[in-house]
Amino acid sequence: MNADFPRQQWSSDAAVSYEAAQEAINEVLACYVALLEREGQKPEPDRERISHLRGRIADCTHQQRSLSPKYPGDLAAVRGSYSRRLVELREELG
């Protein structure tokens, strides 16, 4: 059954970089979900803010699906970008 799938050749470093990038995206995604919940629980939720947060969540899931260990430079860039964004979101969440 596994013969139907092409075998992937990734180094340990590429696999670790991939996992680290995915984790950075997951943490940012969790922050956006928390902010979305917070906004939705307000007596008068800001619909524009909700739409914005849903868009950011969609961006995160798209990035997760398109990430590949085949491109280590991309992994480093994604991890750096999402790590910086995570700092900002954690500040916003308090």
N, C-alpha and C. Protein backbone atom coordinates (compact mmCIF):
# COMPACT_ATOMS: atom_id res chain seq x y z
N MET A 1 0.82 -1.18 0.00
CA MET A 1 0.00 0.00 0.00
C MET A 1 0.87 1.25 0.00
N ASN A 2 1.96 1.28 0.72
CA ASN A 2 2.85 2.44 0.74
C ASN A 2 3.56 2.65 -0.58
N ALA A 3 3.57 1.67 -1.43
CA ALA A 3 4.24 1.80 -2.73
C ALA A 3 3.58 2.85 -3.61
N ASP A 4 2.34 3.21 -3.31
CA ASP A 4 1.62 4.21 -4.10
C ASP A 4 2.12 5.63 -3.86
N PHE A 5 2.83 5.83 -2.75
CA PHE A 5 3.28 7.16 -2.40
C PHE A 5 4.78 7.30 -2.64
N PRO A 6 5.20 8.41 -3.26
CA PRO A 6 6.64 8.60 -3.47
C PRO A 6 7.34 8.79 -2.12
N ARG A 7 8.49 8.19 -1.99
CA ARG A 7 9.26 8.30 -0.75
C ARG A 7 9.90 9.68 -0.68
N GLN A 8 9.78 10.31 0.48
CA GLN A 8 10.35 11.64 0.69
C GLN A 8 11.74 11.50 1.32
N GLN A 9 12.65 12.29 0.86
CA GLN A 9 14.02 12.27 1.38
C GLN A 9 14.29 13.60 2.08
N TRP A 10 14.07 13.65 3.36
CA TRP A 10 14.32 14.86 4.14
C TRP A 10 15.39 14.56 5.17
N SER A 11 16.25 15.50 5.38
CA SER A 11 17.25 15.36 6.42
C SER A 11 16.60 15.60 7.78
N SER A 12 17.30 15.20 8.82
CA SER A 12 16.80 15.46 10.17
C SER A 12 16.66 16.95 10.41
N ASP A 13 17.63 17.73 9.91
CA ASP A 13 17.56 19.18 10.08
C ASP A 13 16.33 19.76 9.39
N ALA A 14 16.04 19.28 8.18
CA ALA A 14 14.86 19.78 7.46
C ALA A 14 13.58 19.40 8.19
N ALA A 15 13.54 18.19 8.73
CA ALA A 15 12.35 17.76 9.46
C ALA A 15 12.14 18.60 10.72
N VAL A 16 13.22 18.88 11.44
CA VAL A 16 13.12 19.71 12.65
C VAL A 16 12.71 21.13 12.28
N SER A 17 13.28 21.68 11.23
CA SER A 17 12.92 23.03 10.79
C SER A 17 11.45 23.10 10.38
N TYR A 18 11.00 22.06 9.70
CA TYR A 18 9.60 21.99 9.29
C TYR A 18 8.69 21.98 10.52
N GLU A 19 9.01 21.14 11.48
CA GLU A 19 8.19 21.04 12.69
C GLU A 19 8.20 22.36 13.47
N ALA A 20 9.35 23.01 13.54
CA ALA A 20 9.45 24.29 14.25
C ALA A 20 8.60 25.36 13.56
N ALA A 21 8.62 25.38 12.24
CA ALA A 21 7.80 26.34 11.50
C ALA A 21 6.32 26.05 11.71
N GLN A 22 5.95 24.78 11.66
CA GLN A 22 4.55 24.41 11.89
C GLN A 22 4.11 24.82 13.29
N GLU A 23 4.98 24.62 14.28
CA GLU A 23 4.64 24.99 15.65
C GLU A 23 4.46 26.50 15.79
N ALA A 24 5.31 27.27 15.13
CA ALA A 24 5.17 28.73 15.17
C ALA A 24 3.83 29.15 14.58
N ILE A 25 3.45 28.54 13.48
CA ILE A 25 2.15 28.84 12.86
C ILE A 25 1.02 28.44 13.81
N ASN A 26 1.13 27.26 14.43
CA ASN A 26 0.09 26.80 15.35
C ASN A 26 -0.11 27.76 16.51
N GLU A 27 0.98 28.29 17.04
CA GLU A 27 0.87 29.21 18.17
C GLU A 27 0.19 30.51 17.76
N VAL A 28 0.53 31.01 16.59
CA VAL A 28 -0.12 32.22 16.08
C VAL A 28 -1.59 31.95 15.81
N LEU A 29 -1.88 30.82 15.23
CA LEU A 29 -3.26 30.43 14.96
C LEU A 29 -4.07 30.38 16.26
N ALA A 30 -3.50 29.81 17.31
CA ALA A 30 -4.18 29.75 18.60
C ALA A 30 -4.46 31.14 19.15
N CYS A 31 -3.55 32.05 18.97
CA CYS A 31 -3.77 33.43 19.43
C CYS A 31 -4.91 34.09 18.66
N TYR A 32 -4.93 33.89 17.36
CA TYR A 32 -6.02 34.45 16.57
C TYR A 32 -7.38 33.87 17.00
N VAL A 33 -7.42 32.59 17.27
CA VAL A 33 -8.65 31.96 17.73
C VAL A 33 -9.07 32.55 19.07
N ALA A 34 -8.11 32.74 19.97
CA ALA A 34 -8.42 33.33 21.28
C ALA A 34 -8.95 34.75 21.12
N LEU A 35 -8.35 35.53 20.23
CA LEU A 35 -8.82 36.89 19.98
C LEU A 35 -10.22 36.88 19.36
N LEU A 36 -10.46 35.93 18.48
CA LEU A 36 -11.78 35.81 17.86
C LEU A 36 -12.83 35.47 18.92
N GLU A 37 -12.51 34.55 19.80
CA GLU A 37 -13.44 34.21 20.89
C GLU A 37 -13.71 35.42 21.78
N ARG A 38 -12.63 36.12 22.11
CA ARG A 38 -12.77 37.31 22.96
C ARG A 38 -13.69 38.34 22.30
N GLU A 39 -13.48 38.57 21.03
CA GLU A 39 -14.30 39.55 20.31
C GLU A 39 -15.75 39.09 20.24
N GLY A 40 -15.95 37.81 19.99
CA GLY A 40 -17.31 37.28 19.87
C GLY A 40 -18.09 37.31 21.16
N GLN A 41 -17.41 37.37 22.29
CA GLN A 41 -18.08 37.39 23.59
C GLN A 41 -18.43 38.79 24.06
N LYS A 42 -18.00 39.79 23.34
CA LYS A 42 -18.31 41.17 23.72
C LYS A 42 -19.81 41.43 23.52
N PRO A 43 -20.38 42.34 24.32
CA PRO A 43 -21.79 42.67 24.15
C PRO A 43 -22.12 43.15 22.73
N GLU A 44 -21.18 43.89 22.14
CA GLU A 44 -21.35 44.36 20.77
C GLU A 44 -20.09 44.04 19.97
N PRO A 45 -19.98 42.82 19.48
CA PRO A 45 -18.78 42.42 18.74
C PRO A 45 -18.56 43.29 17.49
N ASP A 46 -17.32 43.56 17.22
CA ASP A 46 -16.93 44.32 16.03
C ASP A 46 -16.86 43.35 14.85
N ARG A 47 -17.84 43.42 13.99
CA ARG A 47 -17.94 42.48 12.85
C ARG A 47 -16.73 42.59 11.91
N GLU A 48 -16.23 43.80 11.75
CA GLU A 48 -15.05 43.99 10.91
C GLU A 48 -13.83 43.29 11.52
N ARG A 49 -13.68 43.42 12.82
CA ARG A 49 -12.58 42.75 13.53
C ARG A 49 -12.72 41.24 13.42
N ILE A 50 -13.93 40.73 13.57
CA ILE A 50 -14.17 39.29 13.44
C ILE A 50 -13.79 38.81 12.04
N SER A 51 -14.17 39.56 11.04
CA SER A 51 -13.83 39.22 9.66
C SER A 51 -12.31 39.22 9.46
N HIS A 52 -11.66 40.22 10.01
CA HIS A 52 -10.20 40.31 9.92
C HIS A 52 -9.54 39.09 10.57
N LEU A 53 -9.98 38.74 11.76
CA LEU A 53 -9.39 37.60 12.47
C LEU A 53 -9.65 36.30 11.74
N ARG A 54 -10.82 36.14 11.19
CA ARG A 54 -11.11 34.93 10.40
C ARG A 54 -10.19 34.86 9.17
N GLY A 55 -9.91 35.99 8.58
CA GLY A 55 -8.99 36.02 7.45
C GLY A 55 -7.58 35.62 7.85
N ARG A 56 -7.14 36.09 9.03
CA ARG A 56 -5.80 35.72 9.52
C ARG A 56 -5.74 34.22 9.83
N ILE A 57 -6.83 33.68 10.38
CA ILE A 57 -6.89 32.24 10.65
C ILE A 57 -6.79 31.46 9.35
N ALA A 58 -7.50 31.91 8.33
CA ALA A 58 -7.43 31.26 7.02
C ALA A 58 -6.02 31.35 6.44
N ASP A 59 -5.37 32.49 6.63
CA ASP A 59 -3.99 32.64 6.15
C ASP A 59 -3.06 31.63 6.82
N CYS A 60 -3.25 31.45 8.12
CA CYS A 60 -2.42 30.49 8.86
C CYS A 60 -2.62 29.07 8.35
N THR A 61 -3.87 28.68 8.15
CA THR A 61 -4.13 27.32 7.68
C THR A 61 -3.60 27.11 6.27
N HIS A 62 -3.70 28.15 5.44
CA HIS A 62 -3.13 28.05 4.09
C HIS A 62 -1.61 27.89 4.17
N GLN A 63 -0.98 28.66 5.04
CA GLN A 63 0.48 28.57 5.20
C GLN A 63 0.88 27.18 5.68
N GLN A 64 0.12 26.62 6.60
CA GLN A 64 0.41 25.28 7.09
C GLN A 64 0.35 24.26 5.97
N ARG A 65 -0.66 24.36 5.13
CA ARG A 65 -0.82 23.39 4.03
C ARG A 65 0.25 23.53 2.96
N SER A 66 0.74 24.74 2.76
CA SER A 66 1.70 24.96 1.67
C SER A 66 3.16 24.81 2.11
N LEU A 67 3.39 24.70 3.40
CA LEU A 67 4.75 24.57 3.92
C LEU A 67 5.35 23.23 3.51
N SER A 68 6.61 23.26 3.13
CA SER A 68 7.28 22.02 2.71
C SER A 68 8.71 21.97 3.24
N PRO A 69 9.11 20.82 3.76
CA PRO A 69 10.49 20.67 4.23
C PRO A 69 11.51 20.70 3.09
N LYS A 70 11.04 20.67 1.87
CA LYS A 70 11.95 20.71 0.72
C LYS A 70 12.65 22.06 0.55
N TYR A 71 12.11 23.10 1.20
CA TYR A 71 12.62 24.45 1.01
C TYR A 71 13.05 25.05 2.35
N PRO A 72 14.26 24.73 2.82
CA PRO A 72 14.71 25.17 4.14
C PRO A 72 14.73 26.69 4.31
N GLY A 73 15.04 27.43 3.27
CA GLY A 73 15.04 28.89 3.36
C GLY A 73 13.64 29.42 3.67
N ASP A 74 12.64 28.83 3.04
CA ASP A 74 11.26 29.22 3.30
C ASP A 74 10.86 28.89 4.73
N LEU A 75 11.31 27.75 5.21
CA LEU A 75 10.98 27.34 6.58
C LEU A 75 11.52 28.35 7.59
N ALA A 76 12.75 28.77 7.39
CA ALA A 76 13.36 29.74 8.30
C ALA A 76 12.62 31.08 8.24
N ALA A 77 12.25 31.51 7.06
CA ALA A 77 11.53 32.77 6.90
C ALA A 77 10.16 32.70 7.56
N VAL A 78 9.45 31.60 7.36
CA VAL A 78 8.12 31.44 7.95
C VAL A 78 8.24 31.41 9.47
N ARG A 79 9.19 30.65 9.96
CA ARG A 79 9.36 30.56 11.42
C ARG A 79 9.66 31.94 12.01
N GLY A 80 10.55 32.68 11.38
CA GLY A 80 10.90 34.02 11.87
C GLY A 80 9.72 34.96 11.84
N SER A 81 8.99 34.95 10.75
CA SER A 81 7.83 35.83 10.60
C SER A 81 6.75 35.51 11.64
N TYR A 82 6.44 34.25 11.77
CA TYR A 82 5.40 33.86 12.72
C TYR A 82 5.86 34.03 14.16
N SER A 83 7.12 33.85 14.43
CA SER A 83 7.64 34.07 15.79
C SER A 83 7.51 35.54 16.19
N ARG A 84 7.81 36.44 15.25
CA ARG A 84 7.65 37.88 15.53
C ARG A 84 6.18 38.22 15.74
N ARG A 85 5.32 37.65 14.91
CA ARG A 85 3.89 37.92 15.04
C ARG A 85 3.37 37.39 16.37
N LEU A 86 3.90 36.26 16.81
CA LEU A 86 3.47 35.67 18.07
C LEU A 86 3.74 36.62 19.24
N VAL A 87 4.87 37.29 19.23
CA VAL A 87 5.19 38.23 20.29
C VAL A 87 4.13 39.33 20.33
N GLU A 88 3.79 39.86 19.19
CA GLU A 88 2.77 40.92 19.12
C GLU A 88 1.41 40.44 19.61
N LEU A 89 1.04 39.23 19.20
CA LEU A 89 -0.27 38.70 19.58
C LEU A 89 -0.35 38.41 21.07
N ARG A 90 0.72 37.89 21.63
CA ARG A 90 0.73 37.62 23.07
C ARG A 90 0.60 38.93 23.87
N GLU A 91 1.22 39.99 23.37
CA GLU A 91 1.06 41.30 24.02
C GLU A 91 -0.40 41.74 23.94
N GLU A 92 -0.99 41.56 22.77
CA GLU A 92 -2.40 41.95 22.59
C GLU A 92 -3.33 41.15 23.50
N LEU A 93 -3.01 39.89 23.69
CA LEU A 93 -3.84 39.04 24.54
C LEU A 93 -3.64 39.34 26.03
N GLY A 94 -2.49 39.95 26.34
CA GLY A 94 -2.21 40.30 27.73
C GLY A 94 -1.79 39.15 28.49
